[in-house]
Structures are given as structure tokens and as C-alpha cells.
């Protein structure tokens, strides 16, 4: 079971909102809106996606990492390494 199952509806709603923001960006480009306004909206979409990513990492640590650590040190260490790598990937983007 995914660690975010409890908040799945919340994540789905947030992603639908982000999807709408991206469609709005497409319309802005189609309508030749001022480039600074488009860039501002791109920043908003980027922050919204980052927020979803941070939420997922938080839930991963609270559920998957915590459960693995309770089972054994080796499993816990593996999940910590996995979470650290995921954070690094998120920061690179």
C-alpha cells in the first residue's frame, strides 16, 4: 500500500488544479500574453508541483521509512537511502 493512500483524494485534487493551471498557461501562450505574466504563472505551477513532491516525501518518510525501520535496521537504512535519493532528484529539478 502506498504511504499516501490516506491523502490520495487530496493529491488528486491538487494535481487536477495544477493541470488546470497548465492549461491556463497554454491559453496564455495561444493568446500572446505578456511574457512576464506567463513566467509568473510558470513559477506558480512549479511551486505547486514542488509542494506535492514535498508532501509525498513527508508521507513516504512517515509511513514507508518508519515501517521499514521498525522491521529492521537494514530495511530502515535502505528506505532512508531511497528517500534521500528521491529528495536529491526533487532538488535537481
PDB file of N, CA and C in Angstrom:
ATOM      1  N   UNK A   1       0.842  -1.175   0.000  1.00  0.00           N
ATOM      2  CA  UNK A   1       0.000   0.000   0.000  1.00  0.00           C
ATOM      3  C   UNK A   1       0.889   1.241   0.000  1.00  0.00           C
ATOM      4  N   UNK A   2       0.585   2.199  -0.838  1.00  0.00           N
ATOM      5  CA  UNK A   2       1.360   3.435  -0.906  1.00  0.00           C
ATOM      6  C   UNK A   2       1.157   4.244   0.360  1.00  0.00           C
ATOM      7  N   UNK A   3       2.220   4.935   0.808  1.00  0.00           N
ATOM      8  CA  UNK A   3       2.157   5.726   2.019  1.00  0.00           C
ATOM      9  C   UNK A   3       1.191   6.891   1.931  1.00  0.00           C
ATOM     10  N   UNK A   4       0.863   7.299   0.715  1.00  0.00           N
ATOM     11  CA  UNK A   4      -0.014   8.461   0.553  1.00  0.00           C
ATOM     12  C   UNK A   4      -1.479   8.073   0.350  1.00  0.00           C
ATOM     13  N   UNK A   5      -1.820   6.837   0.528  1.00  0.00           N
ATOM     14  CA  UNK A   5      -3.194   6.364   0.288  1.00  0.00           C
ATOM     15  C   UNK A   5      -4.225   7.154   1.077  1.00  0.00           C
ATOM     16  N   UNK A   6      -3.873   7.560   2.278  1.00  0.00           N
ATOM     17  CA  UNK A   6      -4.814   8.285   3.125  1.00  0.00           C
ATOM     18  C   UNK A   6      -5.173   9.623   2.499  1.00  0.00           C
ATOM     19  N   UNK A   7      -4.207  10.280   1.856  1.00  0.00           N
ATOM     20  CA  UNK A   7      -4.408  11.609   1.272  1.00  0.00           C
ATOM     21  C   UNK A   7      -4.593  11.561  -0.241  1.00  0.00           C
ATOM     22  N   UNK A   8      -4.868  10.393  -0.763  1.00  0.00           N
ATOM     23  CA  UNK A   8      -4.941  10.216  -2.208  1.00  0.00           C
ATOM     24  C   UNK A   8      -5.922  11.191  -2.862  1.00  0.00           C
ATOM     25  N   UNK A   9      -7.082  11.380  -2.277  1.00  0.00           N
ATOM     26  CA  UNK A   9      -8.068  12.312  -2.836  1.00  0.00           C
ATOM     27  C   UNK A   9      -7.542  13.744  -2.823  1.00  0.00           C
ATOM     28  N   UNK A  10      -6.846  14.103  -1.753  1.00  0.00           N
ATOM     29  CA  UNK A  10      -6.259  15.440  -1.672  1.00  0.00           C
ATOM     30  C   UNK A  10      -5.217  15.650  -2.770  1.00  0.00           C
ATOM     31  N   UNK A  11      -4.362  14.652  -2.952  1.00  0.00           N
ATOM     32  CA  UNK A  11      -3.348  14.759  -4.003  1.00  0.00           C
ATOM     33  C   UNK A  11      -3.991  14.825  -5.383  1.00  0.00           C
ATOM     34  N   UNK A  12      -5.016  14.028  -5.600  1.00  0.00           N
ATOM     35  CA  UNK A  12      -5.704  14.043  -6.893  1.00  0.00           C
ATOM     36  C   UNK A  12      -6.308  15.421  -7.154  1.00  0.00           C
ATOM     37  N   UNK A  13      -6.907  16.019  -6.138  1.00  0.00           N
ATOM     38  CA  UNK A  13      -7.499  17.352  -6.305  1.00  0.00           C
ATOM     39  C   UNK A  13      -6.429  18.403  -6.590  1.00  0.00           C
ATOM     40  N   UNK A  14      -5.305  18.312  -5.879  1.00  0.00           N
ATOM     41  CA  UNK A  14      -4.221  19.268  -6.111  1.00  0.00           C
ATOM     42  C   UNK A  14      -3.654  19.127  -7.519  1.00  0.00           C
ATOM     43  N   UNK A  15      -3.495  17.893  -7.974  1.00  0.00           N
ATOM     44  CA  UNK A  15      -2.959  17.671  -9.321  1.00  0.00           C
ATOM     45  C   UNK A  15      -3.935  18.132 -10.398  1.00  0.00           C
ATOM     46  N   UNK A  16      -5.227  17.982 -10.162  1.00  0.00           N
ATOM     47  CA  UNK A  16      -6.218  18.485 -11.120  1.00  0.00           C
ATOM     48  C   UNK A  16      -6.140  20.010 -11.201  1.00  0.00           C
ATOM     49  N   UNK A  17      -5.945  20.648 -10.057  1.00  0.00           N
ATOM     50  CA  UNK A  17      -5.796  22.100 -10.049  1.00  0.00           C
ATOM     51  C   UNK A  17      -4.550  22.514 -10.830  1.00  0.00           C
ATOM     52  N   UNK A  18      -3.462  21.795 -10.625  1.00  0.00           N
ATOM     53  CA  UNK A  18      -2.225  22.076 -11.363  1.00  0.00           C
ATOM     54  C   UNK A  18      -2.439  21.856 -12.853  1.00  0.00           C
ATOM     55  N   UNK A  19      -3.163  20.806 -13.196  1.00  0.00           N
ATOM     56  CA  UNK A  19      -3.482  20.535 -14.600  1.00  0.00           C
ATOM     57  C   UNK A  19      -4.223  21.729 -15.208  1.00  0.00           C
ATOM     58  N   UNK A  20      -5.160  22.286 -14.454  1.00  0.00           N
ATOM     59  CA  UNK A  20      -5.883  23.468 -14.919  1.00  0.00           C
ATOM     60  C   UNK A  20      -4.958  24.667 -15.099  1.00  0.00           C
ATOM     61  N   UNK A  21      -4.004  24.814 -14.181  1.00  0.00           N
ATOM     62  CA  UNK A  21      -3.036  25.901 -14.305  1.00  0.00           C
ATOM     63  C   UNK A  21      -2.191  25.742 -15.572  1.00  0.00           C
ATOM     64  N   UNK A  22      -1.810  24.513 -15.884  1.00  0.00           N
ATOM     65  CA  UNK A  22      -1.010  24.258 -17.085  1.00  0.00           C
ATOM     66  C   UNK A  22      -1.834  24.564 -18.338  1.00  0.00           C
ATOM     67  N   UNK A  23      -3.107  24.181 -18.329  1.00  0.00           N
ATOM     68  CA  UNK A  23      -3.979  24.531 -19.462  1.00  0.00           C
ATOM     69  C   UNK A  23      -4.087  26.048 -19.597  1.00  0.00           C
ATOM     70  N   UNK A  24      -4.152  26.739 -18.452  1.00  0.00           N
ATOM     71  CA  UNK A  24      -4.168  28.197 -18.481  1.00  0.00           C
ATOM     72  C   UNK A  24      -2.905  28.768 -19.090  1.00  0.00           C
ATOM     73  N   UNK A  25      -1.782  28.150 -18.800  1.00  0.00           N
ATOM     74  CA  UNK A  25      -0.515  28.569 -19.418  1.00  0.00           C
ATOM     75  C   UNK A  25      -0.569  28.401 -20.937  1.00  0.00           C
ATOM     76  N   UNK A  26      -1.121  27.281 -21.378  1.00  0.00           N
ATOM     77  CA  UNK A  26      -1.252  27.047 -22.818  1.00  0.00           C
ATOM     78  C   UNK A  26      -2.101  28.136 -23.462  1.00  0.00           C
ATOM     79  N   UNK A  27      -3.210  28.494 -22.790  1.00  0.00           N
ATOM     80  CA  UNK A  27      -4.067  29.564 -23.316  1.00  0.00           C
ATOM     81  C   UNK A  27      -3.332  30.901 -23.344  1.00  0.00           C
ATOM     82  N   UNK A  28      -2.546  31.154 -22.311  1.00  0.00           N
ATOM     83  CA  UNK A  28      -1.787  32.404 -22.272  1.00  0.00           C
ATOM     84  C   UNK A  28      -0.840  32.503 -23.458  1.00  0.00           C
ATOM     85  N   UNK A  29      -0.192  31.417 -23.778  1.00  0.00           N
ATOM     86  CA  UNK A  29       0.721  31.396 -24.935  1.00  0.00           C
ATOM     87  C   UNK A  29      -0.076  31.582 -26.222  1.00  0.00           C
ATOM     88  N   UNK A  30      -1.178  30.843 -26.338  1.00  0.00           N
ATOM     89  CA  UNK A  30      -2.027  30.971 -27.531  1.00  0.00           C
ATOM     90  C   UNK A  30      -2.535  32.398 -27.702  1.00  0.00           C
ATOM     91  N   UNK A  31      -2.813  33.082 -26.589  1.00  0.00           N
ATOM     92  CA  UNK A  31      -3.349  34.442 -26.633  1.00  0.00           C
ATOM     93  C   UNK A  31      -2.262  35.509 -26.631  1.00  0.00           C
ATOM     94  N   UNK A  32      -1.002  35.091 -26.777  1.00  0.00           N
ATOM     95  CA  UNK A  32       0.138  36.019 -26.815  1.00  0.00           C
ATOM     96  C   UNK A  32       0.182  36.944 -25.605  1.00  0.00           C
ATOM     97  N   UNK A  33      -0.033  36.383 -24.418  1.00  0.00           N
ATOM     98  CA  UNK A  33       0.024  37.181 -23.190  1.00  0.00           C
ATOM     99  C   UNK A  33       1.458  37.628 -22.925  1.00  0.00           C
ATOM    100  N   UNK A  34       1.583  38.659 -22.140  1.00  0.00           N
ATOM    101  CA  UNK A  34       2.877  39.241 -21.794  1.00  0.00           C
ATOM    102  C   UNK A  34       3.773  38.174 -21.163  1.00  0.00           C
ATOM    103  N   UNK A  35       5.010  38.098 -21.644  1.00  0.00           N
ATOM    104  CA  UNK A  35       5.912  37.014 -21.237  1.00  0.00           C
ATOM    105  C   UNK A  35       6.152  36.977 -19.729  1.00  0.00           C
ATOM    106  N   UNK A  36       6.222  38.118 -19.082  1.00  0.00           N
ATOM    107  CA  UNK A  36       6.435  38.138 -17.635  1.00  0.00           C
ATOM    108  C   UNK A  36       5.238  37.520 -16.905  1.00  0.00           C
ATOM    109  N   UNK A  37       4.041  37.748 -17.404  1.00  0.00           N
ATOM    110  CA  UNK A  37       2.858  37.127 -16.806  1.00  0.00           C
ATOM    111  C   UNK A  37       2.899  35.614 -16.962  1.00  0.00           C
ATOM    112  N   UNK A  38       3.346  35.147 -18.112  1.00  0.00           N
ATOM    113  CA  UNK A  38       3.472  33.701 -18.348  1.00  0.00           C
ATOM    114  C   UNK A  38       4.515  33.115 -17.396  1.00  0.00           C
ATOM    115  N   UNK A  39       5.633  33.796 -17.263  1.00  0.00           N
ATOM    116  CA  UNK A  39       6.689  33.312 -16.369  1.00  0.00           C
ATOM    117  C   UNK A  39       6.215  33.267 -14.915  1.00  0.00           C
ATOM    118  N   UNK A  40       5.428  34.243 -14.521  1.00  0.00           N
ATOM    119  CA  UNK A  40       4.869  34.251 -13.164  1.00  0.00           C
ATOM    120  C   UNK A  40       3.999  33.017 -12.943  1.00  0.00           C
ATOM    121  N   UNK A  41       3.176  32.699 -13.929  1.00  0.00           N
ATOM    122  CA  UNK A  41       2.311  31.516 -13.821  1.00  0.00           C
ATOM    123  C   UNK A  41       3.129  30.231 -13.834  1.00  0.00           C
ATOM    124  N   UNK A  42       4.198  30.187 -14.606  1.00  0.00           N
ATOM    125  CA  UNK A  42       5.082  29.013 -14.610  1.00  0.00           C
ATOM    126  C   UNK A  42       5.661  28.814 -13.214  1.00  0.00           C
ATOM    127  N   UNK A  43       6.050  29.913 -12.572  1.00  0.00           N
ATOM    128  CA  UNK A  43       6.558  29.824 -11.207  1.00  0.00           C
ATOM    129  C   UNK A  43       5.520  29.265 -10.252  1.00  0.00           C
ATOM    130  N   UNK A  44       4.263  29.674 -10.430  1.00  0.00           N
ATOM    131  CA  UNK A  44       3.180  29.173  -9.577  1.00  0.00           C
ATOM    132  C   UNK A  44       2.977  27.674  -9.762  1.00  0.00           C
ATOM    133  N   UNK A  45       3.004  27.227 -11.001  1.00  0.00           N
ATOM    134  CA  UNK A  45       2.837  25.793 -11.288  1.00  0.00           C
ATOM    135  C   UNK A  45       4.008  25.009 -10.708  1.00  0.00           C
ATOM    136  N   UNK A  46       5.205  25.531 -10.871  1.00  0.00           N
ATOM    137  CA  UNK A  46       6.397  24.866 -10.346  1.00  0.00           C
ATOM    138  C   UNK A  46       6.307  24.720  -8.832  1.00  0.00           C
ATOM    139  N   UNK A  47       5.927  25.782  -8.144  1.00  0.00           N
ATOM    140  CA  UNK A  47       5.790  25.724  -6.682  1.00  0.00           C
ATOM    141  C   UNK A  47       4.703  24.733  -6.265  1.00  0.00           C
ATOM    142  N   UNK A  48       3.610  24.703  -7.006  1.00  0.00           N
ATOM    143  CA  UNK A  48       2.531  23.773  -6.687  1.00  0.00           C
ATOM    144  C   UNK A  48       3.006  22.323  -6.822  1.00  0.00           C
ATOM    145  N   UNK A  49       3.752  22.026  -7.880  1.00  0.00           N
ATOM    146  CA  UNK A  49       4.285  20.671  -8.054  1.00  0.00           C
ATOM    147  C   UNK A  49       5.302  20.335  -6.972  1.00  0.00           C
ATOM    148  N   UNK A  50       6.135  21.306  -6.614  1.00  0.00           N
ATOM    149  CA  UNK A  50       7.106  21.072  -5.543  1.00  0.00           C
ATOM    150  C   UNK A  50       6.391  20.768  -4.227  1.00  0.00           C
ATOM    151  N   UNK A  51       5.302  21.457  -3.985  1.00  0.00           N
ATOM    152  CA  UNK A  51       4.525  21.224  -2.770  1.00  0.00           C
ATOM    153  C   UNK A  51       3.981  19.797  -2.729  1.00  0.00           C
ATOM    154  N   UNK A  52       3.501  19.320  -3.856  1.00  0.00           N
ATOM    155  CA  UNK A  52       3.032  17.930  -3.930  1.00  0.00           C
ATOM    156  C   UNK A  52       4.200  16.988  -3.663  1.00  0.00           C
ATOM    157  N   UNK A  53       5.347  17.262  -4.268  1.00  0.00           N
ATOM    158  CA  UNK A  53       6.523  16.415  -4.067  1.00  0.00           C
ATOM    159  C   UNK A  53       6.962  16.364  -2.621  1.00  0.00           C
ATOM    160  N   UNK A  54       7.001  17.508  -1.955  1.00  0.00           N
ATOM    161  CA  UNK A  54       7.396  17.551  -0.546  1.00  0.00           C
ATOM    162  C   UNK A  54       6.386  16.785   0.299  1.00  0.00           C
ATOM    163  N   UNK A  55       5.111  16.920  -0.007  1.00  0.00           N
ATOM    164  CA  UNK A  55       4.089  16.172   0.724  1.00  0.00           C
ATOM    165  C   UNK A  55       4.267  14.672   0.574  1.00  0.00           C
ATOM    166  N   UNK A  56       4.575  14.238  -0.635  1.00  0.00           N
ATOM    167  CA  UNK A  56       4.790  12.812  -0.865  1.00  0.00           C
ATOM    168  C   UNK A  56       6.034  12.306  -0.134  1.00  0.00           C
ATOM    169  N   UNK A  57       7.087  13.109  -0.132  1.00  0.00           N
ATOM    170  CA  UNK A  57       8.294  12.712   0.598  1.00  0.00           C
ATOM    171  C   UNK A  57       7.992  12.608   2.092  1.00  0.00           C
ATOM    172  N   UNK A  58       7.269  13.583   2.610  1.00  0.00           N
ATOM    173  CA  UNK A  58       6.900  13.571   4.022  1.00  0.00           C
ATOM    174  C   UNK A  58       6.126  12.294   4.365  1.00  0.00           C
ATOM    175  N   UNK A  59       5.148  11.977   3.549  1.00  0.00           N
ATOM    176  CA  UNK A  59       4.352  10.775   3.822  1.00  0.00           C
ATOM    177  C   UNK A  59       5.172   9.505   3.637  1.00  0.00           C
ATOM    178  N   UNK A  60       6.096   9.520   2.677  1.00  0.00           N
ATOM    179  CA  UNK A  60       6.969   8.357   2.473  1.00  0.00           C
ATOM    180  C   UNK A  60       7.800   8.113   3.730  1.00  0.00           C
ATOM    181  N   UNK A  61       8.359   9.190   4.280  1.00  0.00           N
ATOM    182  CA  UNK A  61       9.180   9.046   5.479  1.00  0.00           C
ATOM    183  C   UNK A  61       8.325   8.587   6.661  1.00  0.00           C
ATOM    184  N   UNK A  62       7.145   9.185   6.812  1.00  0.00           N
ATOM    185  CA  UNK A  62       6.289   8.850   7.953  1.00  0.00           C
ATOM    186  C   UNK A  62       5.723   7.430   7.875  1.00  0.00           C
ATOM    187  N   UNK A  63       5.556   6.902   6.682  1.00  0.00           N
ATOM    188  CA  UNK A  63       4.953   5.572   6.543  1.00  0.00           C
ATOM    189  C   UNK A  63       5.995   4.530   6.137  1.00  0.00           C
ATOM    190  N   UNK A  64       6.498   4.643   4.935  1.00  0.00           N
ATOM    191  CA  UNK A  64       7.373   3.595   4.394  1.00  0.00           C
ATOM    192  C   UNK A  64       8.691   3.478   5.160  1.00  0.00           C
ATOM    193  N   UNK A  65       9.349   4.617   5.400  1.00  0.00           N
ATOM    194  CA  UNK A  65      10.639   4.577   6.094  1.00  0.00           C
ATOM    195  C   UNK A  65      10.447   4.133   7.541  1.00  0.00           C
ATOM    196  N   UNK A  66       9.457   4.698   8.201  1.00  0.00           N
ATOM    197  CA  UNK A  66       9.209   4.340   9.600  1.00  0.00           C
ATOM    198  C   UNK A  66       8.873   2.853   9.742  1.00  0.00           C
ATOM    199  N   UNK A  67       8.029   2.342   8.841  1.00  0.00           N
ATOM    200  CA  UNK A  67       7.676   0.915   8.894  1.00  0.00           C
ATOM    201  C   UNK A  67       8.888   0.032   8.639  1.00  0.00           C
ATOM    202  N   UNK A  68       9.713   0.408   7.660  1.00  0.00           N
ATOM    203  CA  UNK A  68      10.903  -0.383   7.351  1.00  0.00           C
ATOM    204  C   UNK A  68      11.881  -0.366   8.520  1.00  0.00           C
ATOM    205  N   UNK A  69      12.053   0.787   9.144  1.00  0.00           N
ATOM    206  CA  UNK A  69      12.972   0.894  10.283  1.00  0.00           C
ATOM    207  C   UNK A  69      12.482   0.049  11.459  1.00  0.00           C
ATOM    208  N   UNK A  70      11.176  -0.048  11.616  1.00  0.00           N
ATOM    209  CA  UNK A  70      10.626  -0.873  12.699  1.00  0.00           C
ATOM    210  C   UNK A  70      10.877  -2.360  12.444  1.00  0.00           C
ATOM    211  N   UNK A  71      10.946  -2.738  11.159  1.00  0.00           N
ATOM    212  CA  UNK A  71      11.189  -4.149  10.827  1.00  0.00           C
ATOM    213  C   UNK A  71      12.639  -4.533  11.065  1.00  0.00           C
ATOM    214  N   UNK A  72      13.569  -3.695  10.575  1.00  0.00           N
ATOM    215  CA  UNK A  72      14.997  -3.991  10.788  1.00  0.00           C
ATOM    216  C   UNK A  72      15.835  -2.767  10.434  1.00  0.00           C
ATOM    217  N   UNK A  73      17.037  -2.729  10.993  1.00  0.00           N
ATOM    218  CA  UNK A  73      17.947  -1.619  10.686  1.00  0.00           C
ATOM    219  C   UNK A  73      18.305  -1.592   9.210  1.00  0.00           C
ATOM    220  N   UNK A  74      18.501  -2.773   8.633  1.00  0.00           N
ATOM    221  CA  UNK A  74      18.885  -2.844   7.221  1.00  0.00           C
ATOM    222  C   UNK A  74      17.777  -2.299   6.319  1.00  0.00           C
ATOM    223  N   UNK A  75      16.540  -2.704   6.579  1.00  0.00           N
ATOM    224  CA  UNK A  75      15.417  -2.199   5.784  1.00  0.00           C
ATOM    225  C   UNK A  75      15.244  -0.704   5.989  1.00  0.00           C
ATOM    226  N   UNK A  76      15.405  -0.261   7.218  1.00  0.00           N
ATOM    227  CA  UNK A  76      15.307   1.168   7.502  1.00  0.00           C
ATOM    228  C   UNK A  76      16.370   1.964   6.773  1.00  0.00           C
ATOM    229  N   UNK A  77      17.604   1.476   6.799  1.00  0.00           N
ATOM    230  CA  UNK A  77      18.692   2.158   6.094  1.00  0.00           C
ATOM    231  C   UNK A  77      18.437   2.213   4.589  1.00  0.00           C
ATOM    232  N   UNK A  78      17.915   1.134   4.040  1.00  0.00           N
ATOM    233  CA  UNK A  78      17.622   1.114   2.603  1.00  0.00           C
ATOM    234  C   UNK A  78      16.553   2.142   2.253  1.00  0.00           C
ATOM    235  N   UNK A  79      15.520   2.240   3.075  1.00  0.00           N
ATOM    236  CA  UNK A  79      14.451   3.217   2.813  1.00  0.00           C
ATOM    237  C   UNK A  79      14.949   4.645   3.016  1.00  0.00           C
ATOM    238  N   UNK A  80      15.814   4.859   3.987  1.00  0.00           N
ATOM    239  CA  UNK A  80      16.395   6.195   4.177  1.00  0.00           C
ATOM    240  C   UNK A  80      17.212   6.582   2.960  1.00  0.00           C
ATOM    241  N   UNK A  81      18.009   5.653   2.451  1.00  0.00           N
ATOM    242  CA  UNK A  81      18.796   5.914   1.238  1.00  0.00           C
ATOM    243  C   UNK A  81      17.870   6.229   0.062  1.00  0.00           C
ATOM    244  N   UNK A  82      16.810   5.459  -0.073  1.00  0.00           N
ATOM    245  CA  UNK A  82      15.837   5.681  -1.143  1.00  0.00           C
ATOM    246  C   UNK A  82      15.204   7.073  -1.023  1.00  0.00           C
ATOM    247  N   UNK A  83      14.824   7.468   0.194  1.00  0.00           N
ATOM    248  CA  UNK A  83      14.208   8.782   0.414  1.00  0.00           C
ATOM    249  C   UNK A  83      15.204   9.903   0.131  1.00  0.00           C
ATOM    250  N   UNK A  84      16.449   9.724   0.553  1.00  0.00           N
ATOM    251  CA  UNK A  84      17.477  10.728   0.302  1.00  0.00           C
ATOM    252  C   UNK A  84      17.700  10.913  -1.196  1.00  0.00           C
ATOM    253  N   UNK A  85      17.726   9.827  -1.939  1.00  0.00           N
ATOM    254  CA  UNK A  85      17.896   9.894  -3.396  1.00  0.00           C
ATOM    255  C   UNK A  85      16.696  10.598  -4.044  1.00  0.00           C
ATOM    256  N   UNK A  86      15.496  10.340  -3.532  1.00  0.00           N
ATOM    257  CA  UNK A  86      14.297  10.992  -4.069  1.00  0.00           C
ATOM    258  C   UNK A  86      14.346  12.495  -3.802  1.00  0.00           C
ATOM    259  N   UNK A  87      14.792  12.871  -2.619  1.00  0.00           N
ATOM    260  CA  UNK A  87      14.925  14.298  -2.291  1.00  0.00           C
ATOM    261  C   UNK A  87      15.936  14.956  -3.221  1.00  0.00           C
ATOM    262  N   UNK A  88      17.052  14.296  -3.446  1.00  0.00           N
ATOM    263  CA  UNK A  88      18.081  14.829  -4.351  1.00  0.00           C
ATOM    264  C   UNK A  88      17.526  15.025  -5.758  1.00  0.00           C
ATOM    265  N   UNK A  89      16.742  14.067  -6.238  1.00  0.00           N
ATOM    266  CA  UNK A  89      16.125  14.205  -7.577  1.00  0.00           C
ATOM    267  C   UNK A  89      15.158  15.380  -7.610  1.00  0.00           C
ATOM    268  N   UNK A  90      14.397  15.547  -6.554  1.00  0.00           N
ATOM    269  CA  UNK A  90      13.438  16.648  -6.487  1.00  0.00           C
ATOM    270  C   UNK A  90      14.152  17.998  -6.482  1.00  0.00           C
ATOM    271  N   UNK A  91      15.255  18.066  -5.785  1.00  0.00           N
ATOM    272  CA  UNK A  91      16.026  19.315  -5.720  1.00  0.00           C
ATOM    273  C   UNK A  91      16.703  19.655  -7.044  1.00  0.00           C
ATOM    274  N   UNK A  92      17.065  18.636  -7.818  1.00  0.00           N
ATOM    275  CA  UNK A  92      17.732  18.862  -9.116  1.00  0.00           C
ATOM    276  C   UNK A  92      16.787  19.477 -10.146  1.00  0.00           C
ATOM    277  N   UNK A  93      15.493  19.241  -9.978  1.00  0.00           N
ATOM    278  CA  UNK A  93      14.543  19.702 -10.983  1.00  0.00           C
ATOM    279  C   UNK A  93      14.172  21.137 -10.791  1.00  0.00           C
TER     280      UNK A  93
END
